Amino acid sequence: MSEHYYSNRPSVEHQEKEFVFELRDQSLKFITDAGVFSRDRIDYGSVLLIEEMQIQPKDEVLDMGCGYGPIGLVAARLASKGKVWMADVNERAVTLAQRNAERNGIHNVEIMTSFLFENLPDQKYDVILTNPPIRAGKQTVHQIFEEAYPRLKDTGSLWIVIQKKQGGPSAMSKLQEIYQKVEKVVQDKGYWIIKATRLDHL
């Protein structure tokens, strides 16, 4: 396979699909397409992260590797008086996320094409969410962990979903090197939800 969902400009032919999905007691409408992650339905790991993530109404949130938008758009509904930034290297996914925000009447979002944190504004977030691109390799995944830390406010948290068999234990170890508090919030069907918190006073 010459390209993955983390390709900047997928060359695979367009094949759009629409579906409705229930998340956090809300029905959201999605358009997806060939060349993006989990085109046919929202993947189990993302659903698990969405159900577990803790977001307050005024939070400023980043969804790193947003795909066509399910995690970030639910976060924006939860942070109704805050704002969510959503970023992905895949231009097709970013366009879909923008369309999905419009379809669901979600306006407190800023969605952009970015390789990791490169094009993001210089600011700190209360929460950073990621379903990291495992196929991009451990180095890229660990780079997300490292670069998220300085972008979190004190007591801010990075929330990750990862499969145990696809690097869960090494992700835990790496996070424990960087963050003052790391906890496995949920373990379900081989997936781990990990919360890593920046605590400057420790």
N, C-alpha and C. Protein backbone atom coordinates (compact mmCIF):
# COMPACT_ATOMS: atom_id res chain seq x y z
N MET A 1 0.85 -1.19 0.00
CA MET A 1 0.00 0.00 0.00
C MET A 1 0.88 1.24 0.00
N SER A 2 0.67 2.13 -0.96
CA SER A 2 1.57 3.27 -1.12
C SER A 2 1.20 4.44 -0.22
N GLU A 3 -0.01 4.46 0.33
CA GLU A 3 -0.39 5.57 1.20
C GLU A 3 -1.34 5.07 2.28
N HIS A 4 -1.43 5.86 3.36
CA HIS A 4 -2.29 5.53 4.49
C HIS A 4 -3.21 6.72 4.76
N TYR A 5 -4.04 6.57 5.78
CA TYR A 5 -4.94 7.65 6.16
C TYR A 5 -4.17 8.86 6.65
N TYR A 6 -2.86 8.70 6.97
CA TYR A 6 -2.09 9.85 7.40
C TYR A 6 -1.32 10.48 6.24
N SER A 7 -1.64 10.09 5.01
CA SER A 7 -1.11 10.79 3.84
C SER A 7 -1.69 12.21 3.81
N ASN A 8 -0.88 13.16 3.35
CA ASN A 8 -1.33 14.55 3.30
C ASN A 8 -2.44 14.73 2.28
N ARG A 9 -2.26 14.14 1.09
CA ARG A 9 -3.26 14.27 0.03
C ARG A 9 -3.56 12.90 -0.55
N PRO A 10 -4.52 12.18 -0.01
CA PRO A 10 -4.84 10.84 -0.52
C PRO A 10 -5.19 10.89 -2.01
N SER A 11 -4.65 9.95 -2.77
CA SER A 11 -4.91 9.92 -4.21
C SER A 11 -6.03 8.94 -4.57
N VAL A 12 -6.46 8.14 -3.59
CA VAL A 12 -7.52 7.16 -3.86
C VAL A 12 -8.80 7.89 -4.28
N GLU A 13 -9.54 7.28 -5.17
CA GLU A 13 -10.76 7.90 -5.72
C GLU A 13 -11.78 8.15 -4.62
N HIS A 14 -12.48 9.27 -4.72
CA HIS A 14 -13.50 9.62 -3.73
C HIS A 14 -14.64 8.59 -3.74
N GLN A 15 -15.13 8.29 -2.53
CA GLN A 15 -16.25 7.37 -2.39
C GLN A 15 -16.99 7.75 -1.10
N GLU A 16 -17.76 8.81 -1.18
CA GLU A 16 -18.37 9.36 0.03
C GLU A 16 -19.48 8.46 0.56
N LYS A 17 -19.63 8.54 1.88
CA LYS A 17 -20.64 7.76 2.59
C LYS A 17 -21.19 8.63 3.71
N GLU A 18 -22.47 8.46 4.03
CA GLU A 18 -23.09 9.22 5.12
C GLU A 18 -23.69 8.26 6.14
N PHE A 19 -23.60 8.63 7.41
CA PHE A 19 -24.28 7.86 8.45
C PHE A 19 -24.54 8.74 9.66
N VAL A 20 -25.42 8.27 10.52
CA VAL A 20 -25.74 8.95 11.77
C VAL A 20 -25.23 8.06 12.90
N PHE A 21 -24.63 8.68 13.93
CA PHE A 21 -24.06 7.90 15.02
C PHE A 21 -24.44 8.56 16.35
N GLU A 22 -24.79 7.75 17.31
CA GLU A 22 -25.17 8.23 18.64
C GLU A 22 -23.93 8.26 19.54
N LEU A 23 -23.59 9.46 20.04
CA LEU A 23 -22.41 9.62 20.89
C LEU A 23 -22.76 10.55 22.04
N ARG A 24 -22.49 10.12 23.26
CA ARG A 24 -22.79 10.91 24.46
C ARG A 24 -24.23 11.43 24.42
N ASP A 25 -25.14 10.52 24.09
CA ASP A 25 -26.58 10.82 24.07
C ASP A 25 -26.94 11.88 23.03
N GLN A 26 -26.13 12.01 22.00
CA GLN A 26 -26.43 12.95 20.93
C GLN A 26 -26.28 12.25 19.59
N SER A 27 -27.19 12.54 18.67
CA SER A 27 -27.09 12.00 17.32
C SER A 27 -26.32 12.99 16.45
N LEU A 28 -25.26 12.50 15.82
CA LEU A 28 -24.45 13.33 14.94
C LEU A 28 -24.43 12.72 13.55
N LYS A 29 -24.46 13.60 12.54
CA LYS A 29 -24.46 13.16 11.14
C LYS A 29 -23.05 13.32 10.57
N PHE A 30 -22.56 12.28 9.92
CA PHE A 30 -21.20 12.31 9.38
C PHE A 30 -21.18 11.98 7.89
N ILE A 31 -20.31 12.68 7.18
CA ILE A 31 -19.93 12.31 5.83
C ILE A 31 -18.49 11.79 5.92
N THR A 32 -18.22 10.64 5.32
CA THR A 32 -16.86 10.12 5.28
C THR A 32 -16.50 9.85 3.81
N ASP A 33 -15.29 9.37 3.59
CA ASP A 33 -14.82 9.19 2.22
C ASP A 33 -13.68 8.18 2.22
N ALA A 34 -13.39 7.65 1.06
CA ALA A 34 -12.21 6.80 0.92
C ALA A 34 -10.96 7.63 1.23
N GLY A 35 -9.93 6.97 1.74
CA GLY A 35 -8.68 7.66 2.03
C GLY A 35 -8.62 8.31 3.39
N VAL A 36 -9.65 8.07 4.24
CA VAL A 36 -9.62 8.56 5.61
C VAL A 36 -9.77 7.39 6.58
N PHE A 37 -9.34 7.62 7.81
CA PHE A 37 -9.36 6.56 8.82
C PHE A 37 -10.80 6.17 9.18
N SER A 38 -11.06 4.87 9.22
CA SER A 38 -12.33 4.32 9.68
C SER A 38 -13.53 4.91 8.92
N ARG A 39 -13.48 4.76 7.60
CA ARG A 39 -14.49 5.36 6.73
C ARG A 39 -15.90 4.84 6.99
N ASP A 40 -16.04 3.54 7.25
CA ASP A 40 -17.37 2.92 7.27
C ASP A 40 -18.17 3.17 8.54
N ARG A 41 -17.48 3.35 9.64
CA ARG A 41 -18.15 3.66 10.90
C ARG A 41 -17.09 4.20 11.86
N ILE A 42 -17.52 4.84 12.92
CA ILE A 42 -16.56 5.34 13.90
C ILE A 42 -15.94 4.15 14.62
N ASP A 43 -14.64 4.10 14.65
CA ASP A 43 -13.94 2.95 15.22
C ASP A 43 -14.18 2.85 16.73
N TYR A 44 -14.06 1.63 17.23
CA TYR A 44 -14.38 1.37 18.64
C TYR A 44 -13.51 2.19 19.59
N GLY A 45 -12.23 2.33 19.26
CA GLY A 45 -11.34 3.10 20.13
C GLY A 45 -11.78 4.55 20.27
N SER A 46 -12.16 5.16 19.16
CA SER A 46 -12.63 6.55 19.21
C SER A 46 -13.92 6.67 20.02
N VAL A 47 -14.83 5.72 19.82
CA VAL A 47 -16.08 5.73 20.59
C VAL A 47 -15.78 5.63 22.09
N LEU A 48 -14.86 4.76 22.45
CA LEU A 48 -14.49 4.58 23.86
C LEU A 48 -13.91 5.88 24.43
N LEU A 49 -13.03 6.53 23.66
CA LEU A 49 -12.44 7.79 24.10
C LEU A 49 -13.52 8.85 24.27
N ILE A 50 -14.43 8.93 23.32
CA ILE A 50 -15.52 9.92 23.39
C ILE A 50 -16.37 9.69 24.64
N GLU A 51 -16.67 8.45 24.94
CA GLU A 51 -17.52 8.15 26.09
C GLU A 51 -16.82 8.45 27.43
N GLU A 52 -15.50 8.37 27.45
CA GLU A 52 -14.76 8.52 28.72
C GLU A 52 -14.19 9.92 28.94
N MET A 53 -13.93 10.68 27.87
CA MET A 53 -13.22 11.95 28.02
C MET A 53 -14.01 12.93 28.89
N GLN A 54 -13.27 13.67 29.70
CA GLN A 54 -13.88 14.62 30.64
C GLN A 54 -13.58 16.04 30.17
N ILE A 55 -14.63 16.74 29.76
CA ILE A 55 -14.49 18.08 29.22
C ILE A 55 -15.51 19.00 29.89
N GLN A 56 -15.03 20.15 30.34
CA GLN A 56 -15.89 21.13 31.00
C GLN A 56 -16.40 22.16 29.99
N PRO A 57 -17.52 22.83 30.31
CA PRO A 57 -18.16 23.73 29.34
C PRO A 57 -17.26 24.85 28.80
N LYS A 58 -16.31 25.34 29.59
CA LYS A 58 -15.47 26.47 29.16
C LYS A 58 -14.09 26.02 28.69
N ASP A 59 -13.87 24.74 28.54
CA ASP A 59 -12.53 24.24 28.19
C ASP A 59 -12.11 24.65 26.79
N GLU A 60 -10.79 24.79 26.64
CA GLU A 60 -10.16 24.94 25.33
C GLU A 60 -9.47 23.62 25.04
N VAL A 61 -9.86 23.01 23.93
CA VAL A 61 -9.53 21.61 23.66
C VAL A 61 -8.85 21.48 22.29
N LEU A 62 -7.94 20.54 22.18
CA LEU A 62 -7.34 20.20 20.89
C LEU A 62 -7.59 18.73 20.60
N ASP A 63 -8.07 18.44 19.39
CA ASP A 63 -8.19 17.07 18.88
C ASP A 63 -7.07 16.88 17.86
N MET A 64 -6.03 16.15 18.26
CA MET A 64 -4.87 15.95 17.39
C MET A 64 -5.07 14.68 16.56
N GLY A 65 -5.09 14.84 15.24
CA GLY A 65 -5.37 13.71 14.35
C GLY A 65 -6.86 13.48 14.28
N CYS A 66 -7.59 14.55 13.92
CA CYS A 66 -9.06 14.56 14.10
C CYS A 66 -9.81 13.70 13.10
N GLY A 67 -9.17 13.30 11.98
CA GLY A 67 -9.92 12.56 10.97
C GLY A 67 -11.11 13.36 10.48
N TYR A 68 -12.24 12.68 10.26
CA TYR A 68 -13.43 13.41 9.79
C TYR A 68 -14.23 14.03 10.93
N GLY A 69 -13.70 13.94 12.17
CA GLY A 69 -14.22 14.81 13.21
C GLY A 69 -14.97 14.28 14.41
N PRO A 70 -15.22 12.97 14.57
CA PRO A 70 -16.12 12.56 15.65
C PRO A 70 -15.67 12.98 17.05
N ILE A 71 -14.39 12.81 17.37
CA ILE A 71 -13.93 13.14 18.72
C ILE A 71 -14.04 14.63 18.98
N GLY A 72 -13.50 15.42 18.07
CA GLY A 72 -13.49 16.87 18.26
C GLY A 72 -14.86 17.50 18.25
N LEU A 73 -15.76 16.97 17.42
CA LEU A 73 -17.10 17.56 17.35
C LEU A 73 -17.92 17.26 18.60
N VAL A 74 -17.76 16.08 19.17
CA VAL A 74 -18.42 15.81 20.45
C VAL A 74 -17.80 16.67 21.54
N ALA A 75 -16.48 16.83 21.50
CA ALA A 75 -15.81 17.71 22.48
C ALA A 75 -16.35 19.13 22.39
N ALA A 76 -16.61 19.60 21.17
CA ALA A 76 -17.14 20.96 20.99
C ALA A 76 -18.54 21.10 21.57
N ARG A 77 -19.34 20.05 21.45
CA ARG A 77 -20.67 20.07 22.08
C ARG A 77 -20.53 20.15 23.61
N LEU A 78 -19.57 19.42 24.16
CA LEU A 78 -19.37 19.42 25.62
C LEU A 78 -18.79 20.74 26.10
N ALA A 79 -17.85 21.30 25.33
CA ALA A 79 -17.24 22.59 25.66
C ALA A 79 -18.06 23.70 25.02
N SER A 80 -19.31 23.78 25.40
CA SER A 80 -20.27 24.65 24.71
C SER A 80 -19.93 26.14 24.84
N LYS A 81 -19.20 26.50 25.91
CA LYS A 81 -18.78 27.90 26.10
C LYS A 81 -17.28 28.05 25.88
N GLY A 82 -16.65 27.01 25.39
CA GLY A 82 -15.22 27.04 25.12
C GLY A 82 -14.98 26.94 23.62
N LYS A 83 -13.85 26.32 23.25
CA LYS A 83 -13.52 26.20 21.84
C LYS A 83 -12.68 24.94 21.63
N VAL A 84 -12.82 24.36 20.45
CA VAL A 84 -12.05 23.16 20.11
C VAL A 84 -11.28 23.42 18.81
N TRP A 85 -9.99 23.13 18.86
CA TRP A 85 -9.16 23.14 17.66
C TRP A 85 -9.00 21.70 17.20
N MET A 86 -9.09 21.48 15.90
CA MET A 86 -8.99 20.13 15.35
C MET A 86 -7.96 20.15 14.23
N ALA A 87 -7.04 19.18 14.25
CA ALA A 87 -5.96 19.18 13.27
C ALA A 87 -5.72 17.77 12.75
N ASP A 88 -5.38 17.68 11.46
CA ASP A 88 -5.03 16.41 10.85
C ASP A 88 -4.12 16.70 9.66
N VAL A 89 -3.20 15.79 9.39
CA VAL A 89 -2.31 15.95 8.24
C VAL A 89 -3.05 15.68 6.92
N ASN A 90 -4.14 14.93 6.98
CA ASN A 90 -4.88 14.48 5.80
C ASN A 90 -5.87 15.56 5.37
N GLU A 91 -5.59 16.22 4.23
CA GLU A 91 -6.43 17.32 3.79
C GLU A 91 -7.87 16.89 3.52
N ARG A 92 -8.05 15.68 3.02
CA ARG A 92 -9.40 15.18 2.74
C ARG A 92 -10.19 15.03 4.05
N ALA A 93 -9.53 14.52 5.08
CA ALA A 93 -10.18 14.38 6.38
C ALA A 93 -10.55 15.74 6.96
N VAL A 94 -9.67 16.73 6.83
CA VAL A 94 -9.94 18.07 7.35
C VAL A 94 -11.15 18.68 6.66
N THR A 95 -11.25 18.53 5.35
CA THR A 95 -12.41 19.04 4.62
C THR A 95 -13.69 18.36 5.09
N LEU A 96 -13.64 17.06 5.31
CA LEU A 96 -14.80 16.34 5.82
C LEU A 96 -15.17 16.82 7.22
N ALA A 97 -14.18 17.02 8.08
CA ALA A 97 -14.45 17.50 9.44
C ALA A 97 -15.13 18.86 9.40
N GLN A 98 -14.69 19.74 8.50
CA GLN A 98 -15.33 21.06 8.36
C GLN A 98 -16.78 20.91 7.91
N ARG A 99 -17.01 20.05 6.95
CA ARG A 99 -18.38 19.81 6.47
C ARG A 99 -19.24 19.19 7.57
N ASN A 100 -18.66 18.27 8.36
CA ASN A 100 -19.42 17.63 9.43
C ASN A 100 -19.75 18.61 10.55
N ALA A 101 -18.87 19.54 10.81
CA ALA A 101 -19.16 20.59 11.80
C ALA A 101 -20.37 21.41 11.33
N GLU A 102 -20.36 21.78 10.05
CA GLU A 102 -21.47 22.56 9.50
C GLU A 102 -22.78 21.77 9.53
N ARG A 103 -22.71 20.51 9.15
CA ARG A 103 -23.92 19.67 9.11
C ARG A 103 -24.57 19.55 10.48
N ASN A 104 -23.76 19.59 11.52
CA ASN A 104 -24.28 19.40 12.87
C ASN A 104 -24.44 20.72 13.63
N GLY A 105 -24.25 21.83 12.93
CA GLY A 105 -24.45 23.14 13.56
C GLY A 105 -23.46 23.44 14.66
N ILE A 106 -22.25 22.96 14.52
CA ILE A 106 -21.21 23.16 15.54
C ILE A 106 -20.27 24.25 15.05
N HIS A 107 -20.21 25.37 15.79
CA HIS A 107 -19.48 26.55 15.31
C HIS A 107 -18.27 26.92 16.18
N ASN A 108 -18.16 26.35 17.37
CA ASN A 108 -17.04 26.70 18.26
C ASN A 108 -15.82 25.81 17.99
N VAL A 109 -15.49 25.68 16.69
CA VAL A 109 -14.37 24.84 16.28
C VAL A 109 -13.51 25.59 15.26
N GLU A 110 -12.24 25.26 15.27
CA GLU A 110 -11.31 25.71 14.23
C GLU A 110 -10.59 24.46 13.74
N ILE A 111 -10.72 24.18 12.44
CA ILE A 111 -10.24 22.91 11.89
C ILE A 111 -9.19 23.21 10.83
N MET A 112 -8.02 22.58 10.96
CA MET A 112 -6.91 22.93 10.07
C MET A 112 -6.07 21.72 9.69
N THR A 113 -5.38 21.85 8.56
CA THR A 113 -4.41 20.86 8.14
C THR A 113 -3.09 21.15 8.84
N SER A 114 -2.53 20.15 9.50
CA SER A 114 -1.26 20.34 10.21
C SER A 114 -0.59 19.00 10.40
N PHE A 115 0.72 18.94 10.18
CA PHE A 115 1.48 17.76 10.58
C PHE A 115 1.79 17.92 12.05
N LEU A 116 1.17 17.08 12.86
CA LEU A 116 1.24 17.21 14.32
C LEU A 116 0.92 18.65 14.71
N PHE A 117 1.81 19.31 15.47
CA PHE A 117 1.47 20.62 16.02
C PHE A 117 1.98 21.79 15.18
N GLU A 118 2.52 21.51 13.99
CA GLU A 118 3.23 22.53 13.20
C GLU A 118 2.42 23.80 12.94
N ASN A 119 1.17 23.68 12.53
CA ASN A 119 0.38 24.84 12.10
C ASN A 119 -0.59 25.34 13.16
N LEU A 120 -0.46 24.83 14.37
CA LEU A 120 -1.40 25.21 15.43
C LEU A 120 -1.00 26.53 16.07
N PRO A 121 -1.99 27.27 16.60
CA PRO A 121 -1.67 28.54 17.27
C PRO A 121 -0.82 28.29 18.52
N ASP A 122 -0.05 29.30 18.89
CA ASP A 122 0.82 29.20 20.07
C ASP A 122 -0.02 29.48 21.31
N GLN A 123 -0.61 28.43 21.85
CA GLN A 123 -1.45 28.59 23.03
C GLN A 123 -1.49 27.29 23.82
N LYS A 124 -2.07 27.36 25.00
CA LYS A 124 -2.16 26.17 25.85
C LYS A 124 -3.62 25.73 25.95
N TYR A 125 -3.79 24.42 26.14
CA TYR A 125 -5.12 23.81 26.15
C TYR A 125 -5.41 23.18 27.51
N ASP A 126 -6.71 23.10 27.83
CA ASP A 126 -7.13 22.37 29.03
C ASP A 126 -7.07 20.87 28.79
N VAL A 127 -7.43 20.46 27.57
CA VAL A 127 -7.49 19.04 27.22
C VAL A 127 -6.96 18.86 25.81
N ILE A 128 -6.12 17.85 25.61
CA ILE A 128 -5.71 17.41 24.28
C ILE A 128 -6.17 15.97 24.12
N LEU A 129 -6.83 15.68 23.02
CA LEU A 129 -7.38 14.35 22.74
C LEU A 129 -6.67 13.76 21.54
N THR A 130 -6.36 12.47 21.59
CA THR A 130 -5.79 11.85 20.40
C THR A 130 -6.06 10.35 20.34
N ASN A 131 -6.44 9.92 19.15
CA ASN A 131 -6.43 8.51 18.78
C ASN A 131 -5.25 8.42 17.82
N PRO A 132 -4.04 8.17 18.33
CA PRO A 132 -2.83 8.41 17.53
C PRO A 132 -2.70 7.48 16.33
N PRO A 133 -2.02 7.97 15.28
CA PRO A 133 -1.86 7.19 14.04
C PRO A 133 -0.81 6.10 14.22
N ILE A 134 -1.24 4.94 14.73
CA ILE A 134 -0.31 3.86 15.06
C ILE A 134 0.52 3.45 13.84
N ARG A 135 -0.09 3.45 12.67
CA ARG A 135 0.64 3.02 11.47
C ARG A 135 1.74 4.00 11.07
N ALA A 136 1.71 5.20 11.61
CA ALA A 136 2.78 6.15 11.32
C ALA A 136 4.05 5.81 12.08
N GLY A 137 3.94 4.89 13.06
CA GLY A 137 5.11 4.43 13.79
C GLY A 137 5.19 4.99 15.20
N LYS A 138 5.93 4.25 16.05
CA LYS A 138 6.05 4.61 17.46
C LYS A 138 6.68 5.99 17.64
N GLN A 139 7.65 6.34 16.79
CA GLN A 139 8.32 7.62 16.93
C GLN A 139 7.34 8.78 16.80
N THR A 140 6.42 8.69 15.83
CA THR A 140 5.42 9.74 15.63
C THR A 140 4.45 9.80 16.80
N VAL A 141 4.03 8.63 17.27
CA VAL A 141 3.10 8.59 18.41
C VAL A 141 3.74 9.21 19.64
N HIS A 142 4.98 8.85 19.92
CA HIS A 142 5.68 9.39 21.09
C HIS A 142 5.96 10.88 20.92
N GLN A 143 6.15 11.32 19.68
CA GLN A 143 6.34 12.76 19.43
C GLN A 143 5.08 13.54 19.82
N ILE A 144 3.92 12.96 19.56
CA ILE A 144 2.67 13.60 19.99
C ILE A 144 2.67 13.76 21.51
N PHE A 145 3.05 12.72 22.22
CA PHE A 145 3.07 12.78 23.69
C PHE A 145 4.01 13.89 24.16
N GLU A 146 5.20 13.96 23.55
CA GLU A 146 6.20 14.94 23.97
C GLU A 146 5.77 16.37 23.66
N GLU A 147 5.23 16.57 22.45
CA GLU A 147 4.89 17.93 22.03
C GLU A 147 3.58 18.42 22.64
N ALA A 148 2.77 17.49 23.14
CA ALA A 148 1.52 17.90 23.80
C ALA A 148 1.82 18.54 25.15
N TYR A 149 2.84 18.06 25.85
CA TYR A 149 3.08 18.50 27.24
C TYR A 149 3.21 20.02 27.37
N PRO A 150 4.10 20.68 26.61
CA PRO A 150 4.23 22.13 26.77
C PRO A 150 3.01 22.91 26.31
N ARG A 151 2.10 22.25 25.61
CA ARG A 151 0.90 22.93 25.13
C ARG A 151 -0.30 22.75 26.05
N LEU A 152 -0.09 22.05 27.16
CA LEU A 152 -1.15 21.91 28.16
C LEU A 152 -1.00 22.97 29.25
N LYS A 153 -2.14 23.46 29.72
CA LYS A 153 -2.13 24.30 30.91
C LYS A 153 -1.76 23.45 32.12
N ASP A 154 -1.33 24.10 33.20
CA ASP A 154 -1.12 23.37 34.45
C ASP A 154 -2.43 22.70 34.84
N THR A 155 -2.39 21.45 35.18
CA THR A 155 -3.51 20.54 35.50
C THR A 155 -4.26 20.11 34.23
N GLY A 156 -3.79 20.50 33.06
CA GLY A 156 -4.40 20.03 31.82
C GLY A 156 -4.02 18.58 31.54
N SER A 157 -4.84 17.91 30.72
CA SER A 157 -4.64 16.47 30.50
C SER A 157 -4.63 16.11 29.02
N LEU A 158 -3.77 15.16 28.70
CA LEU A 158 -3.75 14.49 27.40
C LEU A 158 -4.50 13.18 27.55
N TRP A 159 -5.52 12.99 26.71
CA TRP A 159 -6.31 11.74 26.71
C TRP A 159 -5.97 10.96 25.45
N ILE A 160 -5.63 9.69 25.62
CA ILE A 160 -5.21 8.84 24.50
C ILE A 160 -6.01 7.56 24.51
N VAL A 161 -6.33 7.07 23.30
CA VAL A 161 -6.82 5.69 23.18
C VAL A 161 -5.78 4.92 22.40
N ILE A 162 -5.45 3.73 22.88
CA ILE A 162 -4.46 2.90 22.21
C ILE A 162 -4.74 1.43 22.53
N GLN A 163 -4.46 0.56 21.59
CA GLN A 163 -4.64 -0.86 21.85
C GLN A 163 -3.41 -1.40 22.59
N LYS A 164 -3.66 -2.28 23.54
CA LYS A 164 -2.56 -2.89 24.28
C LYS A 164 -1.56 -3.55 23.34
N LYS A 165 -2.09 -4.28 22.34
CA LYS A 165 -1.22 -5.04 21.44
C LYS A 165 -0.52 -4.15 20.41
N GLN A 166 -0.94 -2.88 20.31
CA GLN A 166 -0.32 -1.96 19.36
C GLN A 166 0.48 -0.87 20.07
N GLY A 167 1.01 -1.20 21.22
CA GLY A 167 1.92 -0.25 21.87
C GLY A 167 1.43 0.34 23.17
N GLY A 168 0.39 -0.23 23.76
CA GLY A 168 -0.13 0.29 25.03
C GLY A 168 0.92 0.39 26.12
N PRO A 169 1.63 -0.71 26.42
CA PRO A 169 2.62 -0.64 27.51
C PRO A 169 3.74 0.36 27.25
N SER A 170 4.25 0.44 26.03
CA SER A 170 5.33 1.39 25.75
C SER A 170 4.80 2.82 25.80
N ALA A 171 3.53 3.02 25.41
CA ALA A 171 2.92 4.35 25.53
C ALA A 171 2.83 4.77 27.00
N MET A 172 2.41 3.86 27.86
CA MET A 172 2.36 4.16 29.30
C MET A 172 3.73 4.56 29.82
N SER A 173 4.74 3.79 29.45
CA SER A 173 6.11 4.07 29.93
C SER A 173 6.58 5.44 29.46
N LYS A 174 6.34 5.74 28.18
CA LYS A 174 6.76 7.04 27.64
C LYS A 174 6.04 8.18 28.33
N LEU A 175 4.73 8.03 28.53
CA LEU A 175 3.96 9.08 29.19
C LEU A 175 4.45 9.31 30.62
N GLN A 176 4.82 8.23 31.31
CA GLN A 176 5.29 8.35 32.69
C GLN A 176 6.63 9.07 32.78
N GLU A 177 7.39 9.07 31.68
CA GLU A 177 8.64 9.84 31.64
C GLU A 177 8.38 11.34 31.54
N ILE A 178 7.22 11.72 30.98
CA ILE A 178 6.96 13.13 30.64
C ILE A 178 6.00 13.79 31.62
N TYR A 179 4.93 13.07 31.99
CA TYR A 179 3.83 13.67 32.76
C TYR A 179 3.92 13.29 34.23
N GLN A 180 3.43 14.20 35.08
CA GLN A 180 3.50 13.96 36.54
C GLN A 180 2.49 12.91 37.01
N LYS A 181 1.38 12.78 36.29
CA LYS A 181 0.36 11.80 36.68
C LYS A 181 -0.15 11.09 35.43
N VAL A 182 -0.10 9.77 35.43
CA VAL A 182 -0.57 8.98 34.29
C VAL A 182 -1.47 7.88 34.82
N GLU A 183 -2.65 7.77 34.30
CA GLU A 183 -3.58 6.74 34.78
C GLU A 183 -4.30 6.06 33.61
N LYS A 184 -4.50 4.78 33.76
CA LYS A 184 -5.30 4.03 32.80
C LYS A 184 -6.74 4.12 33.28
N VAL A 185 -7.55 4.87 32.54
CA VAL A 185 -8.91 5.17 32.98
C VAL A 185 -9.83 3.98 32.72
N VAL A 186 -9.65 3.36 31.55
CA VAL A 186 -10.52 2.24 31.15
C VAL A 186 -9.69 1.25 30.35
N GLN A 187 -10.04 -0.01 30.50
CA GLN A 187 -9.46 -1.08 29.68
C GLN A 187 -10.63 -1.92 29.18
N ASP A 188 -10.80 -1.97 27.85
CA ASP A 188 -11.99 -2.63 27.31
C ASP A 188 -11.68 -3.20 25.93
N LYS A 189 -11.91 -4.48 25.75
CA LYS A 189 -11.71 -5.17 24.46
C LYS A 189 -10.32 -4.92 23.88
N GLY A 190 -9.32 -4.87 24.75
CA GLY A 190 -7.95 -4.68 24.29
C GLY A 190 -7.55 -3.22 24.11
N TYR A 191 -8.49 -2.31 24.30
CA TYR A 191 -8.20 -0.87 24.18
C TYR A 191 -7.96 -0.27 25.57
N TRP A 192 -7.02 0.64 25.63
CA TRP A 192 -6.76 1.40 26.85
C TRP A 192 -7.09 2.86 26.60
N ILE A 193 -7.77 3.47 27.57
CA ILE A 193 -7.90 4.92 27.61
C ILE A 193 -6.94 5.41 28.69
N ILE A 194 -6.00 6.24 28.29
CA ILE A 194 -4.98 6.74 29.22
C ILE A 194 -5.14 8.25 29.36
N LYS A 195 -5.06 8.71 30.59
CA LYS A 195 -5.12 10.14 30.90
C LYS A 195 -3.78 10.54 31.51
N ALA A 196 -3.07 11.46 30.86
CA ALA A 196 -1.78 11.94 31.35
C ALA A 196 -1.91 13.42 31.68
N THR A 197 -1.62 13.79 32.93
CA THR A 197 -1.89 15.14 33.41
C THR A 197 -0.61 15.89 33.72
N ARG A 198 -0.55 17.14 33.30
CA ARG A 198 0.56 18.03 33.64
C ARG A 198 0.26 18.68 34.98
N LEU A 199 1.16 18.53 35.93
CA LEU A 199 1.01 19.11 37.25
C LEU A 199 2.30 19.86 37.59
N ASP A 200 2.32 21.16 37.33
CA ASP A 200 3.56 21.91 37.48
C ASP A 200 4.04 22.00 38.92
N HIS A 201 3.15 21.87 39.90
CA HIS A 201 3.53 22.05 41.30
C HIS A 201 4.21 20.81 41.88
N LEU A 202 4.22 19.70 41.13
CA LEU A 202 4.86 18.48 41.64
C LEU A 202 6.31 18.41 41.20
